C-alpha cells in the first residue's frame, strides 16, 4: 500500500469512495466487478475492475486499478486482499488469495 500511495497520492480518498459503495452493494456488479471462480473456496472472492482514481486525471473509471476482496455475507464483512494497477501485473495473484484464507 505504501508503494501505491507514493505513486497515486489520492488513493486513500479513492478507496474511501469504494468502501462506501461496497458497504451498500458488496456483491458483484457487472460490468464493474465479477467473482473469481475455481479457487476452491467457500468464500466469495470478487475482483473490481473499474476504480476511479483522481491521481490519474482524464480517465475516470478506466484508470486500470484493480481491487480483489472477499465478501462474507453471514458476517456482513469485507476483507481487502489485493490492490494493483493492470500495467503492473496481468492478473490477480491466486496464490496470495489462497494463502490469505489458510
PDB file of N, CA and C in Angstrom:
ATOM      1  N   UNK A   1       0.825  -1.189   0.000  1.00  0.00           N
ATOM      2  CA  UNK A   1       0.000   0.000   0.000  1.00  0.00           C
ATOM      3  C   UNK A   1       0.875   1.262   0.000  1.00  0.00           C
ATOM      4  N   UNK A   2       1.972   1.191   0.738  1.00  0.00           N
ATOM      5  CA  UNK A   2       2.860   2.351   0.827  1.00  0.00           C
ATOM      6  C   UNK A   2       3.424   2.711  -0.548  1.00  0.00           C
ATOM      7  N   UNK A   3       3.789   1.689  -1.332  1.00  0.00           N
ATOM      8  CA  UNK A   3       4.306   1.922  -2.682  1.00  0.00           C
ATOM      9  C   UNK A   3       3.235   2.565  -3.565  1.00  0.00           C
ATOM     10  N   UNK A   4       2.009   2.065  -3.487  1.00  0.00           N
ATOM     11  CA  UNK A   4       0.923   2.608  -4.310  1.00  0.00           C
ATOM     12  C   UNK A   4       0.565   4.036  -3.904  1.00  0.00           C
ATOM     13  N   UNK A   5       0.657   4.347  -2.605  1.00  0.00           N
ATOM     14  CA  UNK A   5       0.361   5.712  -2.148  1.00  0.00           C
ATOM     15  C   UNK A   5       1.382   6.716  -2.674  1.00  0.00           C
ATOM     16  N   UNK A   6       2.622   6.277  -2.835  1.00  0.00           N
ATOM     17  CA  UNK A   6       3.624   7.175  -3.415  1.00  0.00           C
ATOM     18  C   UNK A   6       3.313   7.454  -4.876  1.00  0.00           C
ATOM     19  N   UNK A   7       2.824   6.439  -5.551  1.00  0.00           N
ATOM     20  CA  UNK A   7       2.537   6.545  -6.977  1.00  0.00           C
ATOM     21  C   UNK A   7       1.206   7.250  -7.245  1.00  0.00           C
ATOM     22  N   UNK A   8       0.207   6.970  -6.413  1.00  0.00           N
ATOM     23  CA  UNK A   8      -1.144   7.537  -6.577  1.00  0.00           C
ATOM     24  C   UNK A   8      -1.523   8.255  -5.283  1.00  0.00           C
ATOM     25  N   UNK A   9      -1.295   9.541  -5.222  1.00  0.00           N
ATOM     26  CA  UNK A   9      -1.461  10.331  -3.992  1.00  0.00           C
ATOM     27  C   UNK A   9      -2.897  10.340  -3.451  1.00  0.00           C
ATOM     28  N   UNK A  10      -3.881  10.217  -4.314  1.00  0.00           N
ATOM     29  CA  UNK A  10      -5.279  10.300  -3.874  1.00  0.00           C
ATOM     30  C   UNK A  10      -5.876   8.936  -3.556  1.00  0.00           C
ATOM     31  N   UNK A  11      -5.055   7.909  -3.457  1.00  0.00           N
ATOM     32  CA  UNK A  11      -5.563   6.548  -3.297  1.00  0.00           C
ATOM     33  C   UNK A  11      -6.390   6.360  -2.031  1.00  0.00           C
ATOM     34  N   UNK A  12      -5.989   6.974  -0.927  1.00  0.00           N
ATOM     35  CA  UNK A  12      -6.785   6.842   0.307  1.00  0.00           C
ATOM     36  C   UNK A  12      -8.203   7.380   0.116  1.00  0.00           C
ATOM     37  N   UNK A  13      -8.317   8.547  -0.499  1.00  0.00           N
ATOM     38  CA  UNK A  13      -9.642   9.124  -0.763  1.00  0.00           C
ATOM     39  C   UNK A  13     -10.438   8.269  -1.741  1.00  0.00           C
ATOM     40  N   UNK A  14      -9.772   7.759  -2.754  1.00  0.00           N
ATOM     41  CA  UNK A  14     -10.435   6.909  -3.743  1.00  0.00           C
ATOM     42  C   UNK A  14     -10.947   5.622  -3.111  1.00  0.00           C
ATOM     43  N   UNK A  15     -10.158   5.050  -2.200  1.00  0.00           N
ATOM     44  CA  UNK A  15     -10.587   3.821  -1.528  1.00  0.00           C
ATOM     45  C   UNK A  15     -11.744   4.063  -0.565  1.00  0.00           C
ATOM     46  N   UNK A  16     -11.815   5.246   0.023  1.00  0.00           N
ATOM     47  CA  UNK A  16     -12.953   5.572   0.891  1.00  0.00           C
ATOM     48  C   UNK A  16     -14.256   5.574   0.088  1.00  0.00           C
ATOM     49  N   UNK A  17     -14.195   6.064  -1.129  1.00  0.00           N
ATOM     50  CA  UNK A  17     -15.376   6.057  -2.005  1.00  0.00           C
ATOM     51  C   UNK A  17     -15.768   4.618  -2.338  1.00  0.00           C
ATOM     52  N   UNK A  18     -14.766   3.788  -2.645  1.00  0.00           N
ATOM     53  CA  UNK A  18     -15.030   2.375  -2.952  1.00  0.00           C
ATOM     54  C   UNK A  18     -15.627   1.672  -1.732  1.00  0.00           C
ATOM     55  N   UNK A  19     -15.097   1.955  -0.548  1.00  0.00           N
ATOM     56  CA  UNK A  19     -15.636   1.350   0.681  1.00  0.00           C
ATOM     57  C   UNK A  19     -17.095   1.733   0.884  1.00  0.00           C
ATOM     58  N   UNK A  20     -17.434   2.972   0.612  1.00  0.00           N
ATOM     59  CA  UNK A  20     -18.817   3.409   0.738  1.00  0.00           C
ATOM     60  C   UNK A  20     -19.744   2.673  -0.207  1.00  0.00           C
ATOM     61  N   UNK A  21     -19.296   2.486  -1.433  1.00  0.00           N
ATOM     62  CA  UNK A  21     -20.106   1.762  -2.412  1.00  0.00           C
ATOM     63  C   UNK A  21     -20.233   0.297  -2.017  1.00  0.00           C
ATOM     64  N   UNK A  22     -19.130  -0.321  -1.585  1.00  0.00           N
ATOM     65  CA  UNK A  22     -19.173  -1.728  -1.206  1.00  0.00           C
ATOM     66  C   UNK A  22     -19.991  -1.974   0.055  1.00  0.00           C
ATOM     67  N   UNK A  23     -20.068  -0.991   0.935  1.00  0.00           N
ATOM     68  CA  UNK A  23     -20.877  -1.175   2.145  1.00  0.00           C
ATOM     69  C   UNK A  23     -22.360  -1.263   1.818  1.00  0.00           C
ATOM     70  N   UNK A  24     -22.794  -0.602   0.754  1.00  0.00           N
ATOM     71  CA  UNK A  24     -24.208  -0.672   0.378  1.00  0.00           C
ATOM     72  C   UNK A  24     -24.491  -1.783  -0.629  1.00  0.00           C
ATOM     73  N   UNK A  25     -23.503  -2.102  -1.497  1.00  0.00           N
ATOM     74  CA  UNK A  25     -23.688  -3.164  -2.508  1.00  0.00           C
ATOM     75  C   UNK A  25     -22.416  -4.009  -2.601  1.00  0.00           C
ATOM     76  N   UNK A  26     -22.229  -4.930  -1.669  1.00  0.00           N
ATOM     77  CA  UNK A  26     -20.975  -5.699  -1.633  1.00  0.00           C
ATOM     78  C   UNK A  26     -20.865  -6.808  -2.677  1.00  0.00           C
ATOM     79  N   UNK A  27     -21.965  -7.238  -3.262  1.00  0.00           N
ATOM     80  CA  UNK A  27     -21.913  -8.307  -4.260  1.00  0.00           C
ATOM     81  C   UNK A  27     -21.379  -7.778  -5.577  1.00  0.00           C
ATOM     82  N   UNK A  28     -21.049  -8.686  -6.462  1.00  0.00           N
ATOM     83  CA  UNK A  28     -20.523  -8.297  -7.776  1.00  0.00           C
ATOM     84  C   UNK A  28     -21.562  -7.527  -8.564  1.00  0.00           C
ATOM     85  N   UNK A  29     -21.096  -6.548  -9.302  1.00  0.00           N
ATOM     86  CA  UNK A  29     -21.950  -5.691 -10.117  1.00  0.00           C
ATOM     87  C   UNK A  29     -21.345  -5.607 -11.512  1.00  0.00           C
ATOM     88  N   UNK A  30     -21.824  -6.443 -12.412  1.00  0.00           N
ATOM     89  CA  UNK A  30     -21.301  -6.411 -13.786  1.00  0.00           C
ATOM     90  C   UNK A  30     -21.635  -5.069 -14.419  1.00  0.00           C
ATOM     91  N   UNK A  31     -20.816  -4.480 -15.203  1.00  0.00           N
ATOM     92  CA  UNK A  31     -19.500  -4.882 -15.704  1.00  0.00           C
ATOM     93  C   UNK A  31     -18.349  -4.389 -14.846  1.00  0.00           C
ATOM     94  N   UNK A  32     -18.630  -3.811 -13.697  1.00  0.00           N
ATOM     95  CA  UNK A  32     -17.581  -3.227 -12.864  1.00  0.00           C
ATOM     96  C   UNK A  32     -16.829  -4.255 -12.027  1.00  0.00           C
ATOM     97  N   UNK A  33     -17.496  -5.331 -11.651  1.00  0.00           N
ATOM     98  CA  UNK A  33     -16.850  -6.348 -10.835  1.00  0.00           C
ATOM     99  C   UNK A  33     -17.431  -7.714 -11.154  1.00  0.00           C
ATOM    100  N   UNK A  34     -16.664  -8.744 -10.816  1.00  0.00           N
ATOM    101  CA  UNK A  34     -17.114 -10.110 -11.037  1.00  0.00           C
ATOM    102  C   UNK A  34     -16.428 -11.031 -10.033  1.00  0.00           C
ATOM    103  N   UNK A  35     -17.038 -12.195  -9.787  1.00  0.00           N
ATOM    104  CA  UNK A  35     -16.447 -13.135  -8.838  1.00  0.00           C
ATOM    105  C   UNK A  35     -15.354 -13.942  -9.534  1.00  0.00           C
ATOM    106  N   UNK A  36     -14.355 -14.314  -8.751  1.00  0.00           N
ATOM    107  CA  UNK A  36     -13.245 -15.123  -9.251  1.00  0.00           C
ATOM    108  C   UNK A  36     -13.584 -16.570  -8.924  1.00  0.00           C
ATOM    109  N   UNK A  37     -13.704 -17.388  -9.951  1.00  0.00           N
ATOM    110  CA  UNK A  37     -14.097 -18.781  -9.781  1.00  0.00           C
ATOM    111  C   UNK A  37     -12.870 -19.692  -9.745  1.00  0.00           C
ATOM    112  N   UNK A  38     -13.128 -20.960  -9.468  1.00  0.00           N
ATOM    113  CA  UNK A  38     -12.118 -22.027  -9.489  1.00  0.00           C
ATOM    114  C   UNK A  38     -10.997 -21.819  -8.478  1.00  0.00           C
ATOM    115  N   UNK A  39     -11.340 -21.269  -7.316  1.00  0.00           N
ATOM    116  CA  UNK A  39     -10.355 -21.127  -6.251  1.00  0.00           C
ATOM    117  C   UNK A  39     -10.470 -22.249  -5.220  1.00  0.00           C
ATOM    118  N   UNK A  40     -11.606 -22.924  -5.200  1.00  0.00           N
ATOM    119  CA  UNK A  40     -11.821 -23.977  -4.214  1.00  0.00           C
ATOM    120  C   UNK A  40     -12.149 -23.435  -2.837  1.00  0.00           C
ATOM    121  N   UNK A  41     -12.646 -22.224  -2.778  1.00  0.00           N
ATOM    122  CA  UNK A  41     -13.001 -21.594  -1.506  1.00  0.00           C
ATOM    123  C   UNK A  41     -14.513 -21.466  -1.408  1.00  0.00           C
ATOM    124  N   UNK A  42     -15.026 -21.549  -0.197  1.00  0.00           N
ATOM    125  CA  UNK A  42     -16.461 -21.341   0.003  1.00  0.00           C
ATOM    126  C   UNK A  42     -16.800 -19.853   0.069  1.00  0.00           C
ATOM    127  N   UNK A  43     -15.791 -19.029   0.290  1.00  0.00           N
ATOM    128  CA  UNK A  43     -15.955 -17.584   0.364  1.00  0.00           C
ATOM    129  C   UNK A  43     -16.054 -16.988  -1.033  1.00  0.00           C
ATOM    130  N   UNK A  44     -16.854 -15.959  -1.171  1.00  0.00           N
ATOM    131  CA  UNK A  44     -16.995 -15.263  -2.448  1.00  0.00           C
ATOM    132  C   UNK A  44     -15.861 -14.246  -2.574  1.00  0.00           C
ATOM    133  N   UNK A  45     -14.977 -14.467  -3.564  1.00  0.00           N
ATOM    134  CA  UNK A  45     -13.871 -13.546  -3.833  1.00  0.00           C
ATOM    135  C   UNK A  45     -14.218 -12.774  -5.099  1.00  0.00           C
ATOM    136  N   UNK A  46     -14.168 -11.454  -5.005  1.00  0.00           N
ATOM    137  CA  UNK A  46     -14.634 -10.590  -6.084  1.00  0.00           C
ATOM    138  C   UNK A  46     -13.505  -9.670  -6.545  1.00  0.00           C
ATOM    139  N   UNK A  47     -13.453  -9.448  -7.860  1.00  0.00           N
ATOM    140  CA  UNK A  47     -12.475  -8.551  -8.455  1.00  0.00           C
ATOM    141  C   UNK A  47     -13.204  -7.333  -9.006  1.00  0.00           C
ATOM    142  N   UNK A  48     -12.808  -6.152  -8.555  1.00  0.00           N
ATOM    143  CA  UNK A  48     -13.368  -4.894  -9.053  1.00  0.00           C
ATOM    144  C   UNK A  48     -12.418  -4.374 -10.126  1.00  0.00           C
ATOM    145  N   UNK A  49     -12.947  -4.171 -11.328  1.00  0.00           N
ATOM    146  CA  UNK A  49     -12.117  -3.743 -12.452  1.00  0.00           C
ATOM    147  C   UNK A  49     -12.097  -2.240 -12.640  1.00  0.00           C
ATOM    148  N   UNK A  50     -13.126  -1.568 -12.267  1.00  0.00           N
ATOM    149  CA  UNK A  50     -13.236  -0.147 -12.605  1.00  0.00           C
ATOM    150  C   UNK A  50     -13.265   0.696 -11.334  1.00  0.00           C
ATOM    151  N   UNK A  51     -12.114   1.226 -10.979  1.00  0.00           N
ATOM    152  CA  UNK A  51     -11.986   2.096  -9.810  1.00  0.00           C
ATOM    153  C   UNK A  51     -11.496   3.452 -10.310  1.00  0.00           C
ATOM    154  N   UNK A  52     -12.220   4.495  -9.988  1.00  0.00           N
ATOM    155  CA  UNK A  52     -11.814   5.844 -10.372  1.00  0.00           C
ATOM    156  C   UNK A  52     -10.683   6.305  -9.458  1.00  0.00           C
ATOM    157  N   UNK A  53      -9.657   6.880 -10.033  1.00  0.00           N
ATOM    158  CA  UNK A  53      -8.522   7.391  -9.273  1.00  0.00           C
ATOM    159  C   UNK A  53      -8.256   8.824  -9.726  1.00  0.00           C
ATOM    160  N   UNK A  54      -8.341   9.759  -8.787  1.00  0.00           N
ATOM    161  CA  UNK A  54      -8.155  11.171  -9.115  1.00  0.00           C
ATOM    162  C   UNK A  54      -6.720  11.484  -9.540  1.00  0.00           C
ATOM    163  N   UNK A  55      -5.765  10.672  -9.098  1.00  0.00           N
ATOM    164  CA  UNK A  55      -4.366  10.886  -9.473  1.00  0.00           C
ATOM    165  C   UNK A  55      -4.122  10.635 -10.953  1.00  0.00           C
ATOM    166  N   UNK A  56      -4.952   9.828 -11.556  1.00  0.00           N
ATOM    167  CA  UNK A  56      -4.833   9.529 -12.985  1.00  0.00           C
ATOM    168  C   UNK A  56      -5.882  10.345 -13.713  1.00  0.00           C
ATOM    169  N   UNK A  57      -5.593  11.579 -13.934  1.00  0.00           N
ATOM    170  CA  UNK A  57      -6.570  12.525 -14.474  1.00  0.00           C
ATOM    171  C   UNK A  57      -7.002  12.169 -15.894  1.00  0.00           C
ATOM    172  N   UNK A  58      -8.271  12.460 -16.168  1.00  0.00           N
ATOM    173  CA  UNK A  58      -8.797  12.319 -17.502  1.00  0.00           C
ATOM    174  C   UNK A  58      -9.244  10.929 -17.892  1.00  0.00           C
ATOM    175  N   UNK A  59      -9.141   9.972 -16.980  1.00  0.00           N
ATOM    176  CA  UNK A  59      -9.508   8.608 -17.346  1.00  0.00           C
ATOM    177  C   UNK A  59     -10.745   8.099 -16.617  1.00  0.00           C
ATOM    178  N   UNK A  60     -11.139   8.714 -15.533  1.00  0.00           N
ATOM    179  CA  UNK A  60     -12.321   8.260 -14.798  1.00  0.00           C
ATOM    180  C   UNK A  60     -12.149   6.851 -14.285  1.00  0.00           C
ATOM    181  N   UNK A  61     -13.153   5.988 -14.523  1.00  0.00           N
ATOM    182  CA  UNK A  61     -13.090   4.617 -14.017  1.00  0.00           C
ATOM    183  C   UNK A  61     -12.203   3.725 -14.875  1.00  0.00           C
ATOM    184  N   UNK A  62     -11.685   4.230 -15.960  1.00  0.00           N
ATOM    185  CA  UNK A  62     -10.807   3.432 -16.813  1.00  0.00           C
ATOM    186  C   UNK A  62      -9.338   3.621 -16.447  1.00  0.00           C
ATOM    187  N   UNK A  63      -9.045   3.797 -15.176  1.00  0.00           N
ATOM    188  CA  UNK A  63      -7.681   4.052 -14.738  1.00  0.00           C
ATOM    189  C   UNK A  63      -6.820   2.808 -14.755  1.00  0.00           C
ATOM    190  N   UNK A  64      -7.410   1.648 -14.652  1.00  0.00           N
ATOM    191  CA  UNK A  64      -6.633   0.422 -14.653  1.00  0.00           C
ATOM    192  C   UNK A  64      -6.365  -0.133 -13.283  1.00  0.00           C
ATOM    193  N   UNK A  65      -6.900   0.481 -12.232  1.00  0.00           N
ATOM    194  CA  UNK A  65      -6.727  -0.073 -10.893  1.00  0.00           C
ATOM    195  C   UNK A  65      -7.661  -1.254 -10.692  1.00  0.00           C
ATOM    196  N   UNK A  66      -7.153  -2.288 -10.015  1.00  0.00           N
ATOM    197  CA  UNK A  66      -7.933  -3.490  -9.734  1.00  0.00           C
ATOM    198  C   UNK A  66      -7.907  -3.740  -8.236  1.00  0.00           C
ATOM    199  N   UNK A  67      -9.037  -4.184  -7.691  1.00  0.00           N
ATOM    200  CA  UNK A  67      -9.155  -4.494  -6.270  1.00  0.00           C
ATOM    201  C   UNK A  67      -9.736  -5.893  -6.129  1.00  0.00           C
ATOM    202  N   UNK A  68      -9.092  -6.721  -5.313  1.00  0.00           N
ATOM    203  CA  UNK A  68      -9.581  -8.059  -5.018  1.00  0.00           C
ATOM    204  C   UNK A  68     -10.012  -8.054  -3.562  1.00  0.00           C
ATOM    205  N   UNK A  69     -11.246  -8.515  -3.306  1.00  0.00           N
ATOM    206  CA  UNK A  69     -11.725  -8.589  -1.926  1.00  0.00           C
ATOM    207  C   UNK A  69     -12.585  -9.819  -1.728  1.00  0.00           C
ATOM    208  N   UNK A  70     -12.704 -10.219  -0.463  1.00  0.00           N
ATOM    209  CA  UNK A  70     -13.557 -11.346  -0.091  1.00  0.00           C
ATOM    210  C   UNK A  70     -14.767 -10.804   0.647  1.00  0.00           C
ATOM    211  N   UNK A  71     -15.927 -11.369   0.338  1.00  0.00           N
ATOM    212  CA  UNK A  71     -17.173 -10.940   0.971  1.00  0.00           C
ATOM    213  C   UNK A  71     -17.750 -12.099   1.770  1.00  0.00           C
ATOM    214  N   UNK A  72     -18.000 -11.844   3.057  1.00  0.00           N
ATOM    215  CA  UNK A  72     -18.600 -12.820   3.954  1.00  0.00           C
ATOM    216  C   UNK A  72     -20.020 -12.357   4.277  1.00  0.00           C
ATOM    217  N   UNK A  73     -21.038 -12.861   3.548  1.00  0.00           N
ATOM    218  CA  UNK A  73     -22.401 -12.350   3.725  1.00  0.00           C
ATOM    219  C   UNK A  73     -22.996 -12.607   5.111  1.00  0.00           C
ATOM    220  N   UNK A  74     -22.671 -13.752   5.725  1.00  0.00           N
ATOM    221  CA  UNK A  74     -23.260 -14.050   7.033  1.00  0.00           C
ATOM    222  C   UNK A  74     -22.734 -13.120   8.123  1.00  0.00           C
ATOM    223  N   UNK A  75     -21.494 -12.665   7.995  1.00  0.00           N
ATOM    224  CA  UNK A  75     -20.909 -11.753   8.978  1.00  0.00           C
ATOM    225  C   UNK A  75     -20.993 -10.301   8.523  1.00  0.00           C
ATOM    226  N   UNK A  76     -21.500 -10.058   7.296  1.00  0.00           N
ATOM    227  CA  UNK A  76     -21.539  -8.719   6.714  1.00  0.00           C
ATOM    228  C   UNK A  76     -20.156  -8.074   6.788  1.00  0.00           C
ATOM    229  N   UNK A  77     -19.156  -8.810   6.284  1.00  0.00           N
ATOM    230  CA  UNK A  77     -17.763  -8.391   6.393  1.00  0.00           C
ATOM    231  C   UNK A  77     -17.090  -8.440   5.020  1.00  0.00           C
ATOM    232  N   UNK A  78     -16.242  -7.454   4.749  1.00  0.00           N
ATOM    233  CA  UNK A  78     -15.455  -7.389   3.521  1.00  0.00           C
ATOM    234  C   UNK A  78     -13.982  -7.304   3.915  1.00  0.00           C
ATOM    235  N   UNK A  79     -13.162  -8.135   3.273  1.00  0.00           N
ATOM    236  CA  UNK A  79     -11.721  -8.129   3.536  1.00  0.00           C
ATOM    237  C   UNK A  79     -11.002  -7.835   2.224  1.00  0.00           C
ATOM    238  N   UNK A  80     -10.244  -6.731   2.197  1.00  0.00           N
ATOM    239  CA  UNK A  80      -9.453  -6.405   1.015  1.00  0.00           C
ATOM    240  C   UNK A  80      -8.233  -7.315   0.975  1.00  0.00           C
ATOM    241  N   UNK A  81      -7.969  -7.887  -0.185  1.00  0.00           N
ATOM    242  CA  UNK A  81      -6.861  -8.823  -0.333  1.00  0.00           C
ATOM    243  C   UNK A  81      -5.727  -8.220  -1.152  1.00  0.00           C
ATOM    244  N   UNK A  82      -6.069  -7.589  -2.270  1.00  0.00           N
ATOM    245  CA  UNK A  82      -5.025  -7.110  -3.167  1.00  0.00           C
ATOM    246  C   UNK A  82      -5.509  -5.897  -3.952  1.00  0.00           C
ATOM    247  N   UNK A  83      -4.604  -4.951  -4.160  1.00  0.00           N
ATOM    248  CA  UNK A  83      -4.866  -3.776  -4.980  1.00  0.00           C
ATOM    249  C   UNK A  83      -3.662  -3.590  -5.884  1.00  0.00           C
ATOM    250  N   UNK A  84      -3.906  -3.458  -7.185  1.00  0.00           N
ATOM    251  CA  UNK A  84      -2.808  -3.316  -8.129  1.00  0.00           C
ATOM    252  C   UNK A  84      -3.268  -2.576  -9.370  1.00  0.00           C
ATOM    253  N   UNK A  85      -2.311  -2.109 -10.146  1.00  0.00           N
ATOM    254  CA  UNK A  85      -2.587  -1.477 -11.434  1.00  0.00           C
ATOM    255  C   UNK A  85      -2.416  -2.527 -12.512  1.00  0.00           C
ATOM    256  N   UNK A  86      -3.271  -2.516 -13.504  1.00  0.00           N
ATOM    257  CA  UNK A  86      -3.253  -3.563 -14.533  1.00  0.00           C
ATOM    258  C   UNK A  86      -1.963  -3.574 -15.340  1.00  0.00           C
ATOM    259  N   UNK A  87      -1.222  -2.473 -15.383  1.00  0.00           N
ATOM    260  CA  UNK A  87       0.056  -2.457 -16.091  1.00  0.00           C
ATOM    261  C   UNK A  87       1.171  -3.100 -15.276  1.00  0.00           C
ATOM    262  N   UNK A  88       0.976  -3.194 -13.947  1.00  0.00           N
ATOM    263  CA  UNK A  88       1.990  -3.785 -13.082  1.00  0.00           C
ATOM    264  C   UNK A  88       1.960  -5.309 -13.121  1.00  0.00           C
ATOM    265  N   UNK A  89       0.778  -5.880 -13.294  1.00  0.00           N
ATOM    266  CA  UNK A  89       0.646  -7.337 -13.385  1.00  0.00           C
ATOM    267  C   UNK A  89      -0.566  -7.683 -14.220  1.00  0.00           C
ATOM    268  N   UNK A  90      -0.505  -8.821 -14.874  1.00  0.00           N
ATOM    269  CA  UNK A  90      -1.548  -9.193 -15.830  1.00  0.00           C
ATOM    270  C   UNK A  90      -2.845  -9.630 -15.164  1.00  0.00           C
ATOM    271  N   UNK A  91      -2.744 -10.302 -14.031  1.00  0.00           N
ATOM    272  CA  UNK A  91      -3.932 -10.852 -13.397  1.00  0.00           C
ATOM    273  C   UNK A  91      -3.731 -10.911 -11.885  1.00  0.00           C
ATOM    274  N   UNK A  92      -4.806 -11.283 -11.188  1.00  0.00           N
ATOM    275  CA  UNK A  92      -4.717 -11.394  -9.732  1.00  0.00           C
ATOM    276  C   UNK A  92      -3.782 -12.529  -9.344  1.00  0.00           C
ATOM    277  N   UNK A  93      -3.233 -12.436  -8.151  1.00  0.00           N
ATOM    278  CA  UNK A  93      -2.316 -13.442  -7.621  1.00  0.00           C
ATOM    279  C   UNK A  93      -3.128 -14.489  -6.873  1.00  0.00           C
ATOM    280  N   UNK A  94      -3.443 -15.595  -7.543  1.00  0.00           N
ATOM    281  CA  UNK A  94      -4.282 -16.639  -6.947  1.00  0.00           C
ATOM    282  C   UNK A  94      -3.616 -17.284  -5.740  1.00  0.00           C
ATOM    283  N   UNK A  95      -2.303 -17.418  -5.755  1.00  0.00           N
ATOM    284  CA  UNK A  95      -1.597 -17.988  -4.606  1.00  0.00           C
ATOM    285  C   UNK A  95      -1.746 -17.088  -3.387  1.00  0.00           C
ATOM    286  N   UNK A  96      -1.701 -15.795  -3.599  1.00  0.00           N
ATOM    287  CA  UNK A  96      -1.872 -14.846  -2.495  1.00  0.00           C
ATOM    288  C   UNK A  96      -3.285 -14.946  -1.919  1.00  0.00           C
ATOM    289  N   UNK A  97      -4.273 -15.085  -2.786  1.00  0.00           N
ATOM    290  CA  UNK A  97      -5.650 -15.214  -2.324  1.00  0.00           C
ATOM    291  C   UNK A  97      -5.824 -16.477  -1.503  1.00  0.00           C
ATOM    292  N   UNK A  98      -5.312 -17.591  -1.996  1.00  0.00           N
ATOM    293  CA  UNK A  98      -5.427 -18.861  -1.280  1.00  0.00           C
ATOM    294  C   UNK A  98      -4.645 -18.828   0.040  1.00  0.00           C
ATOM    295  N   UNK A  99      -3.468 -18.200   0.034  1.00  0.00           N
ATOM    296  CA  UNK A  99      -2.671 -18.108   1.262  1.00  0.00           C
ATOM    297  C   UNK A  99      -3.373 -17.256   2.318  1.00  0.00           C
ATOM    298  N   UNK A 100      -4.162 -16.295   1.874  1.00  0.00           N
ATOM    299  CA  UNK A 100      -4.871 -15.413   2.802  1.00  0.00           C
ATOM    300  C   UNK A 100      -5.936 -16.182   3.604  1.00  0.00           C
ATOM    301  N   UNK A 101      -6.452 -17.260   3.042  1.00  0.00           N
ATOM    302  CA  UNK A 101      -7.534 -17.998   3.692  1.00  0.00           C
ATOM    303  C   UNK A 101      -7.071 -19.305   4.325  1.00  0.00           C
ATOM    304  N   UNK A 102      -5.775 -19.509   4.454  1.00  0.00           N
ATOM    305  CA  UNK A 102      -5.276 -20.733   5.115  1.00  0.00           C
ATOM    306  C   UNK A 102      -4.935 -20.461   6.538  1.00  0.00           C
TER     307      UNK A 102
END
